[in-house]
N, C-alpha and C. Protein backbone atom coordinates (compact mmCIF):
# COMPACT_ATOMS: atom_id res chain seq x y z
N MET A 1 -1.67 -36.48 8.79
CA MET A 1 -1.59 -37.58 9.73
C MET A 1 -1.20 -38.86 9.00
N PHE A 2 -0.24 -39.54 9.56
CA PHE A 2 0.17 -40.83 9.02
C PHE A 2 -0.43 -41.90 9.91
N ARG A 3 -1.12 -42.86 9.30
CA ARG A 3 -1.74 -43.93 10.08
C ARG A 3 -1.73 -45.22 9.27
N GLY A 4 -1.87 -46.31 9.98
CA GLY A 4 -1.96 -47.60 9.33
C GLY A 4 -0.69 -48.42 9.47
N VAL A 5 -0.84 -49.71 9.19
CA VAL A 5 0.26 -50.68 9.22
C VAL A 5 0.55 -51.09 7.79
N ASN A 6 1.82 -50.98 7.41
CA ASN A 6 2.24 -51.31 6.05
C ASN A 6 3.40 -52.28 6.10
N ARG A 7 3.25 -53.43 5.47
CA ARG A 7 4.34 -54.39 5.38
C ARG A 7 5.19 -54.03 4.17
N LEU A 8 6.51 -53.99 4.39
CA LEU A 8 7.44 -53.57 3.35
C LEU A 8 8.62 -54.54 3.30
N ASN A 9 9.34 -54.48 2.19
CA ASN A 9 10.58 -55.24 2.05
C ASN A 9 11.72 -54.26 1.81
N LEU A 10 12.84 -54.51 2.46
CA LEU A 10 14.05 -53.75 2.19
C LEU A 10 14.77 -54.44 1.04
N ASP A 11 15.35 -53.64 0.14
CA ASP A 11 16.10 -54.24 -0.96
C ASP A 11 17.52 -54.55 -0.49
N ALA A 12 18.32 -55.09 -1.38
CA ALA A 12 19.68 -55.52 -1.02
C ALA A 12 20.56 -54.37 -0.56
N LYS A 13 20.24 -53.14 -0.97
CA LYS A 13 21.02 -51.96 -0.58
C LYS A 13 20.53 -51.34 0.72
N GLY A 14 19.45 -51.88 1.30
CA GLY A 14 18.92 -51.34 2.54
C GLY A 14 17.94 -50.21 2.32
N ARG A 15 17.31 -50.19 1.14
CA ARG A 15 16.31 -49.15 0.85
C ARG A 15 14.92 -49.71 1.09
N LEU A 16 14.03 -48.82 1.52
CA LEU A 16 12.63 -49.19 1.63
C LEU A 16 11.82 -48.21 0.81
N ALA A 17 10.77 -48.70 0.21
CA ALA A 17 9.87 -47.85 -0.57
C ALA A 17 8.74 -47.36 0.34
N ILE A 18 8.65 -46.06 0.47
CA ILE A 18 7.55 -45.47 1.24
C ILE A 18 6.25 -45.79 0.51
N PRO A 19 5.21 -46.23 1.20
CA PRO A 19 3.94 -46.51 0.52
C PRO A 19 3.46 -45.31 -0.31
N THR A 20 2.93 -45.62 -1.46
CA THR A 20 2.52 -44.59 -2.42
C THR A 20 1.59 -43.56 -1.80
N ARG A 21 0.69 -43.99 -0.94
CA ARG A 21 -0.30 -43.06 -0.38
C ARG A 21 0.31 -41.98 0.49
N PHE A 22 1.58 -42.13 0.92
CA PHE A 22 2.24 -41.11 1.74
C PHE A 22 3.20 -40.23 0.96
N ARG A 23 3.57 -40.64 -0.22
CA ARG A 23 4.64 -39.95 -0.95
C ARG A 23 4.33 -38.49 -1.27
N ASP A 24 3.15 -38.21 -1.82
CA ASP A 24 2.81 -36.82 -2.16
C ASP A 24 2.77 -35.94 -0.92
N ARG A 25 2.22 -36.47 0.16
CA ARG A 25 2.16 -35.71 1.40
C ARG A 25 3.56 -35.37 1.90
N LEU A 26 4.48 -36.33 1.79
CA LEU A 26 5.86 -36.09 2.23
C LEU A 26 6.57 -35.11 1.30
N ARG A 27 6.29 -35.19 0.02
CA ARG A 27 6.89 -34.22 -0.91
C ARG A 27 6.38 -32.81 -0.58
N ASP A 28 5.09 -32.70 -0.26
CA ASP A 28 4.50 -31.39 0.03
C ASP A 28 4.97 -30.82 1.37
N CYS A 29 4.99 -31.64 2.40
CA CYS A 29 5.26 -31.12 3.75
C CYS A 29 6.74 -30.93 4.05
N CYS A 30 7.60 -31.67 3.37
CA CYS A 30 9.01 -31.59 3.75
C CYS A 30 9.97 -31.72 2.56
N ALA A 31 9.44 -31.56 1.36
CA ALA A 31 10.26 -31.67 0.15
C ALA A 31 11.05 -32.99 0.14
N SER A 32 10.43 -34.06 0.64
CA SER A 32 11.00 -35.40 0.68
C SER A 32 12.18 -35.55 1.64
N GLU A 33 12.39 -34.57 2.52
CA GLU A 33 13.48 -34.65 3.49
C GLU A 33 12.95 -35.22 4.80
N LEU A 34 13.59 -36.30 5.24
CA LEU A 34 13.16 -37.02 6.43
C LEU A 34 14.33 -37.15 7.40
N VAL A 35 14.00 -37.42 8.65
CA VAL A 35 15.01 -37.71 9.67
C VAL A 35 14.64 -39.04 10.29
N ILE A 36 15.64 -39.93 10.39
CA ILE A 36 15.44 -41.24 11.00
C ILE A 36 16.29 -41.29 12.25
N THR A 37 15.70 -41.78 13.33
CA THR A 37 16.44 -41.95 14.58
C THR A 37 15.96 -43.21 15.28
N VAL A 38 16.57 -43.51 16.41
CA VAL A 38 16.25 -44.73 17.15
C VAL A 38 15.14 -44.47 18.17
N ASP A 39 14.52 -45.56 18.59
CA ASP A 39 13.53 -45.51 19.65
C ASP A 39 13.92 -46.55 20.70
N THR A 40 13.55 -46.32 21.93
CA THR A 40 13.94 -47.23 23.00
C THR A 40 13.33 -48.62 22.86
N ASP A 41 12.31 -48.79 22.02
CA ASP A 41 11.71 -50.11 21.76
C ASP A 41 12.45 -50.87 20.66
N HIS A 42 13.61 -50.36 20.26
CA HIS A 42 14.43 -50.98 19.20
C HIS A 42 13.73 -51.01 17.85
N CYS A 43 13.02 -49.94 17.57
CA CYS A 43 12.52 -49.69 16.23
C CYS A 43 13.11 -48.35 15.80
N LEU A 44 12.80 -47.91 14.60
CA LEU A 44 13.26 -46.61 14.14
C LEU A 44 12.07 -45.66 14.05
N LEU A 45 12.35 -44.39 14.26
CA LEU A 45 11.35 -43.34 14.11
C LEU A 45 11.72 -42.55 12.85
N ILE A 46 10.73 -42.31 12.00
CA ILE A 46 10.95 -41.56 10.77
C ILE A 46 10.05 -40.33 10.81
N TYR A 47 10.68 -39.16 10.80
CA TYR A 47 9.98 -37.88 10.88
C TYR A 47 10.15 -37.08 9.59
N PRO A 48 9.11 -36.37 9.15
CA PRO A 48 9.34 -35.33 8.15
C PRO A 48 10.26 -34.29 8.81
N LEU A 49 11.18 -33.72 8.05
CA LEU A 49 12.19 -32.83 8.62
C LEU A 49 11.59 -31.73 9.50
N PRO A 50 10.54 -31.00 9.09
CA PRO A 50 10.01 -29.96 9.98
C PRO A 50 9.50 -30.49 11.32
N GLU A 51 8.89 -31.66 11.32
CA GLU A 51 8.43 -32.27 12.58
C GLU A 51 9.62 -32.60 13.46
N TRP A 52 10.67 -33.17 12.87
CA TRP A 52 11.86 -33.51 13.64
C TRP A 52 12.51 -32.27 14.22
N GLN A 53 12.59 -31.20 13.47
CA GLN A 53 13.24 -29.98 13.95
C GLN A 53 12.56 -29.47 15.21
N GLU A 54 11.25 -29.60 15.28
CA GLU A 54 10.51 -29.19 16.48
C GLU A 54 10.86 -30.10 17.66
N ILE A 55 10.90 -31.40 17.43
CA ILE A 55 11.26 -32.36 18.49
C ILE A 55 12.69 -32.09 18.96
N GLU A 56 13.60 -31.93 18.01
CA GLU A 56 15.00 -31.70 18.34
C GLU A 56 15.18 -30.43 19.16
N ARG A 57 14.47 -29.37 18.79
CA ARG A 57 14.55 -28.12 19.54
C ARG A 57 14.12 -28.33 20.98
N LYS A 58 13.03 -29.06 21.18
CA LYS A 58 12.54 -29.34 22.54
C LYS A 58 13.54 -30.20 23.32
N LEU A 59 14.09 -31.21 22.65
CA LEU A 59 15.08 -32.07 23.32
C LEU A 59 16.31 -31.28 23.74
N MET A 60 16.78 -30.42 22.88
CA MET A 60 18.01 -29.69 23.17
C MET A 60 17.78 -28.58 24.20
N ASN A 61 16.54 -28.22 24.45
CA ASN A 61 16.23 -27.23 25.49
C ASN A 61 16.07 -27.87 26.87
N LEU A 62 16.11 -29.20 26.94
CA LEU A 62 16.04 -29.87 28.24
C LEU A 62 17.34 -29.59 29.00
N PRO A 63 17.28 -29.60 30.32
CA PRO A 63 18.48 -29.32 31.11
C PRO A 63 19.55 -30.39 30.92
N SER A 64 20.73 -29.98 30.53
CA SER A 64 21.80 -30.94 30.22
C SER A 64 22.35 -31.64 31.46
N PHE A 65 22.07 -31.12 32.66
CA PHE A 65 22.52 -31.78 33.87
C PHE A 65 21.53 -32.83 34.37
N ASN A 66 20.40 -32.94 33.69
CA ASN A 66 19.42 -33.97 34.03
C ASN A 66 19.82 -35.25 33.30
N LYS A 67 20.06 -36.30 34.06
CA LYS A 67 20.58 -37.55 33.51
C LYS A 67 19.65 -38.13 32.43
N ALA A 68 18.36 -38.16 32.70
CA ALA A 68 17.39 -38.71 31.73
C ALA A 68 17.36 -37.87 30.46
N ALA A 69 17.41 -36.54 30.63
CA ALA A 69 17.41 -35.65 29.47
C ALA A 69 18.64 -35.89 28.60
N ARG A 70 19.80 -36.02 29.23
CA ARG A 70 21.05 -36.27 28.48
C ARG A 70 20.97 -37.59 27.73
N ARG A 71 20.40 -38.60 28.36
CA ARG A 71 20.28 -39.90 27.68
C ARG A 71 19.38 -39.78 26.45
N LEU A 72 18.26 -39.09 26.60
CA LEU A 72 17.37 -38.89 25.45
C LEU A 72 18.07 -38.11 24.34
N GLN A 73 18.78 -37.06 24.71
CA GLN A 73 19.51 -36.27 23.71
C GLN A 73 20.53 -37.14 22.99
N ARG A 74 21.28 -37.92 23.74
CA ARG A 74 22.30 -38.78 23.14
C ARG A 74 21.68 -39.81 22.20
N LEU A 75 20.61 -40.44 22.65
CA LEU A 75 19.99 -41.46 21.83
C LEU A 75 19.29 -40.89 20.61
N LEU A 76 18.37 -39.96 20.84
CA LEU A 76 17.54 -39.48 19.74
C LEU A 76 18.28 -38.54 18.80
N VAL A 77 18.93 -37.54 19.35
CA VAL A 77 19.65 -36.58 18.50
C VAL A 77 20.94 -37.20 17.99
N GLY A 78 21.61 -37.95 18.84
CA GLY A 78 22.87 -38.55 18.44
C GLY A 78 22.74 -39.53 17.28
N HIS A 79 21.61 -40.22 17.18
CA HIS A 79 21.41 -41.17 16.10
C HIS A 79 20.63 -40.57 14.92
N ALA A 80 20.14 -39.35 15.06
CA ALA A 80 19.32 -38.74 14.01
C ALA A 80 20.13 -38.60 12.72
N THR A 81 19.55 -39.07 11.64
CA THR A 81 20.20 -39.04 10.34
C THR A 81 19.22 -38.50 9.31
N GLU A 82 19.64 -37.48 8.57
CA GLU A 82 18.81 -36.93 7.51
C GLU A 82 18.91 -37.80 6.27
N VAL A 83 17.77 -38.10 5.69
CA VAL A 83 17.71 -38.87 4.45
C VAL A 83 16.72 -38.19 3.52
N GLU A 84 16.80 -38.53 2.25
CA GLU A 84 15.88 -37.95 1.29
C GLU A 84 15.20 -39.07 0.52
N MET A 85 13.90 -38.92 0.35
CA MET A 85 13.15 -39.87 -0.45
C MET A 85 13.48 -39.60 -1.92
N ASP A 86 13.86 -40.65 -2.66
CA ASP A 86 14.22 -40.45 -4.07
C ASP A 86 12.98 -40.38 -4.95
N ALA A 87 13.18 -40.22 -6.25
CA ALA A 87 12.07 -40.05 -7.19
C ALA A 87 11.14 -41.26 -7.22
N GLN A 88 11.64 -42.44 -6.85
CA GLN A 88 10.82 -43.64 -6.80
C GLN A 88 10.18 -43.86 -5.42
N GLY A 89 10.35 -42.90 -4.52
CA GLY A 89 9.76 -43.00 -3.19
C GLY A 89 10.53 -43.88 -2.23
N ARG A 90 11.82 -44.12 -2.54
CA ARG A 90 12.64 -44.98 -1.69
C ARG A 90 13.51 -44.14 -0.75
N VAL A 91 13.81 -44.74 0.39
CA VAL A 91 14.68 -44.13 1.39
C VAL A 91 15.78 -45.14 1.72
N LEU A 92 17.02 -44.69 1.70
CA LEU A 92 18.14 -45.54 2.08
C LEU A 92 18.33 -45.48 3.59
N LEU A 93 18.21 -46.61 4.24
CA LEU A 93 18.39 -46.69 5.69
C LEU A 93 19.87 -46.91 5.99
N PRO A 94 20.49 -46.02 6.76
CA PRO A 94 21.90 -46.19 7.10
C PRO A 94 22.15 -47.51 7.84
N PRO A 95 23.25 -48.20 7.53
CA PRO A 95 23.53 -49.50 8.18
C PRO A 95 23.48 -49.47 9.71
N PRO A 96 24.04 -48.46 10.40
CA PRO A 96 23.95 -48.50 11.87
C PRO A 96 22.51 -48.48 12.39
N LEU A 97 21.63 -47.77 11.70
CA LEU A 97 20.23 -47.74 12.13
C LEU A 97 19.53 -49.05 11.80
N ARG A 98 19.85 -49.64 10.65
CA ARG A 98 19.28 -50.96 10.32
C ARG A 98 19.71 -51.99 11.35
N ASP A 99 20.98 -51.93 11.74
CA ASP A 99 21.50 -52.87 12.74
C ASP A 99 20.80 -52.68 14.08
N PHE A 100 20.63 -51.44 14.50
CA PHE A 100 19.98 -51.14 15.78
C PHE A 100 18.59 -51.76 15.84
N ALA A 101 17.83 -51.62 14.75
CA ALA A 101 16.44 -52.10 14.73
C ALA A 101 16.34 -53.55 14.28
N GLY A 102 17.46 -54.18 13.95
CA GLY A 102 17.43 -55.57 13.51
C GLY A 102 16.72 -55.77 12.19
N LEU A 103 16.81 -54.75 11.32
CA LEU A 103 16.11 -54.81 10.04
C LEU A 103 16.93 -55.58 9.01
N ASN A 104 16.31 -56.56 8.39
CA ASN A 104 16.95 -57.31 7.33
C ASN A 104 16.14 -57.17 6.05
N LYS A 105 15.15 -57.99 5.88
CA LYS A 105 14.37 -57.98 4.64
C LYS A 105 12.94 -57.49 4.87
N HIS A 106 12.26 -58.08 5.83
CA HIS A 106 10.84 -57.79 6.05
C HIS A 106 10.67 -56.77 7.18
N ALA A 107 9.93 -55.71 6.88
CA ALA A 107 9.74 -54.64 7.85
C ALA A 107 8.27 -54.24 7.88
N VAL A 108 7.92 -53.50 8.91
CA VAL A 108 6.57 -52.97 9.08
C VAL A 108 6.69 -51.48 9.38
N LEU A 109 5.98 -50.68 8.60
CA LEU A 109 5.94 -49.23 8.78
C LEU A 109 4.60 -48.89 9.43
N ILE A 110 4.67 -48.28 10.61
CA ILE A 110 3.47 -47.98 11.39
C ILE A 110 3.27 -46.47 11.42
N GLY A 111 2.15 -45.99 10.89
CA GLY A 111 1.84 -44.57 10.96
C GLY A 111 1.51 -44.18 12.39
N GLN A 112 2.11 -43.08 12.85
CA GLN A 112 1.91 -42.62 14.23
C GLN A 112 1.59 -41.13 14.25
N GLY A 113 0.72 -40.70 13.35
CA GLY A 113 0.31 -39.30 13.33
C GLY A 113 1.31 -38.45 12.60
N ASN A 114 2.25 -37.86 13.34
CA ASN A 114 3.24 -36.95 12.74
C ASN A 114 4.52 -37.65 12.33
N LYS A 115 4.58 -38.97 12.54
CA LYS A 115 5.81 -39.73 12.24
C LYS A 115 5.44 -41.16 11.92
N PHE A 116 6.47 -41.94 11.57
CA PHE A 116 6.32 -43.38 11.37
C PHE A 116 7.24 -44.11 12.33
N GLU A 117 6.86 -45.33 12.68
CA GLU A 117 7.76 -46.27 13.33
C GLU A 117 8.09 -47.33 12.30
N LEU A 118 9.35 -47.74 12.25
CA LEU A 118 9.77 -48.80 11.35
C LEU A 118 10.32 -49.94 12.19
N TRP A 119 9.70 -51.10 12.06
CA TRP A 119 10.02 -52.28 12.87
C TRP A 119 10.44 -53.43 11.97
N ASP A 120 11.32 -54.28 12.48
CA ASP A 120 11.51 -55.58 11.89
C ASP A 120 10.18 -56.31 12.04
N GLU A 121 9.72 -56.97 10.98
CA GLU A 121 8.38 -57.56 11.01
C GLU A 121 8.21 -58.58 12.14
N GLU A 122 9.18 -59.43 12.33
CA GLU A 122 9.08 -60.45 13.38
C GLU A 122 9.03 -59.80 14.76
N ARG A 123 9.89 -58.80 14.99
CA ARG A 123 9.89 -58.11 16.28
C ARG A 123 8.56 -57.39 16.50
N TRP A 124 8.03 -56.76 15.45
CA TRP A 124 6.74 -56.07 15.56
C TRP A 124 5.64 -57.05 15.95
N ASN A 125 5.57 -58.18 15.26
CA ASN A 125 4.51 -59.15 15.55
C ASN A 125 4.59 -59.64 16.99
N GLY A 126 5.80 -59.92 17.46
CA GLY A 126 5.97 -60.36 18.84
C GLY A 126 5.60 -59.29 19.84
N GLN A 127 6.04 -58.08 19.60
CA GLN A 127 5.74 -56.97 20.52
C GLN A 127 4.26 -56.66 20.55
N ARG A 128 3.65 -56.61 19.36
CA ARG A 128 2.20 -56.34 19.27
C ARG A 128 1.42 -57.41 20.04
N ASP A 129 1.77 -58.67 19.85
CA ASP A 129 1.07 -59.75 20.56
C ASP A 129 1.26 -59.64 22.07
N GLU A 130 2.47 -59.26 22.50
CA GLU A 130 2.73 -59.08 23.93
C GLU A 130 1.88 -57.95 24.49
N TRP A 131 1.80 -56.83 23.76
CA TRP A 131 0.98 -55.71 24.23
C TRP A 131 -0.49 -56.12 24.33
N LEU A 132 -0.97 -56.89 23.36
CA LEU A 132 -2.36 -57.32 23.39
C LEU A 132 -2.63 -58.25 24.56
N GLU A 133 -1.69 -59.14 24.87
CA GLU A 133 -1.85 -60.04 26.01
C GLU A 133 -1.85 -59.28 27.33
N GLU A 134 -1.03 -58.23 27.40
CA GLU A 134 -0.94 -57.44 28.63
C GLU A 134 -2.11 -56.49 28.81
N ALA A 135 -2.82 -56.21 27.74
CA ALA A 135 -3.88 -55.21 27.79
C ALA A 135 -5.06 -55.71 28.62
N ASP A 136 -5.26 -55.05 29.71
CA ASP A 136 -6.42 -55.29 30.56
C ASP A 136 -7.13 -53.95 30.65
N LEU A 137 -8.00 -53.70 29.69
CA LEU A 137 -8.63 -52.39 29.59
C LEU A 137 -9.51 -52.06 30.79
N GLU A 138 -9.95 -53.09 31.50
CA GLU A 138 -10.78 -52.86 32.68
C GLU A 138 -10.00 -52.19 33.81
N SER A 139 -8.74 -52.58 33.99
CA SER A 139 -7.97 -52.03 35.09
C SER A 139 -6.88 -51.05 34.63
N LEU A 140 -6.93 -50.68 33.37
CA LEU A 140 -5.94 -49.77 32.82
C LEU A 140 -6.07 -48.39 33.45
N GLU A 141 -4.96 -47.89 33.98
CA GLU A 141 -4.96 -46.55 34.55
C GLU A 141 -4.57 -45.56 33.48
N LEU A 142 -5.49 -44.67 33.16
CA LEU A 142 -5.27 -43.69 32.10
C LEU A 142 -4.94 -42.33 32.69
N PRO A 143 -4.12 -41.56 31.99
CA PRO A 143 -3.93 -40.17 32.41
C PRO A 143 -5.27 -39.44 32.34
N ALA A 144 -5.42 -38.42 33.14
CA ALA A 144 -6.68 -37.67 33.20
C ALA A 144 -7.14 -37.21 31.82
N ASP A 145 -6.19 -36.83 30.97
CA ASP A 145 -6.54 -36.34 29.63
C ASP A 145 -7.25 -37.41 28.79
N LEU A 146 -6.99 -38.69 29.08
CA LEU A 146 -7.57 -39.76 28.27
C LEU A 146 -8.80 -40.39 28.88
N GLU A 147 -9.15 -40.03 30.08
CA GLU A 147 -10.28 -40.67 30.74
C GLU A 147 -11.60 -40.43 30.04
N THR A 148 -11.72 -39.36 29.29
CA THR A 148 -12.96 -39.07 28.59
C THR A 148 -12.95 -39.59 27.16
N LEU A 149 -11.87 -40.21 26.74
CA LEU A 149 -11.77 -40.75 25.38
C LEU A 149 -12.69 -41.93 25.21
N SER A 150 -13.43 -41.92 24.13
CA SER A 150 -14.33 -43.02 23.81
C SER A 150 -13.93 -43.57 22.46
N ILE A 151 -13.71 -44.89 22.40
CA ILE A 151 -13.36 -45.51 21.11
C ILE A 151 -14.32 -46.62 20.77
């Protein structure tokens, strides 16, 4: 499980260093092979290759005549790019993906269980603050599966 918020800097070549605490796990679970794709919130999703292959299989099994399914396939699979973490734990972010997410120098890597989200730091701070302002836990309608969750 990947969790936590990590502030990172991209170097001049567009590389980011994966936090040290995740590197061994990524080497073990996917031999340092990752897939980066876009998210509708204008951040990037970073998956270990085996996790991505499962997502991709499910996406490609969706009915191609379903408009929403085709859009998801085009966005997620169409932008999916395989990258490899180097010996120093760095990943080169392709320019089109950096542009999509508005990544320049300061970024935030958010652990999301089986994947990471990579955000421009300023966009992340604004979005997080907006979500917190909108959060009205008293009137929040939860799916049935979450109604018994206690935090």
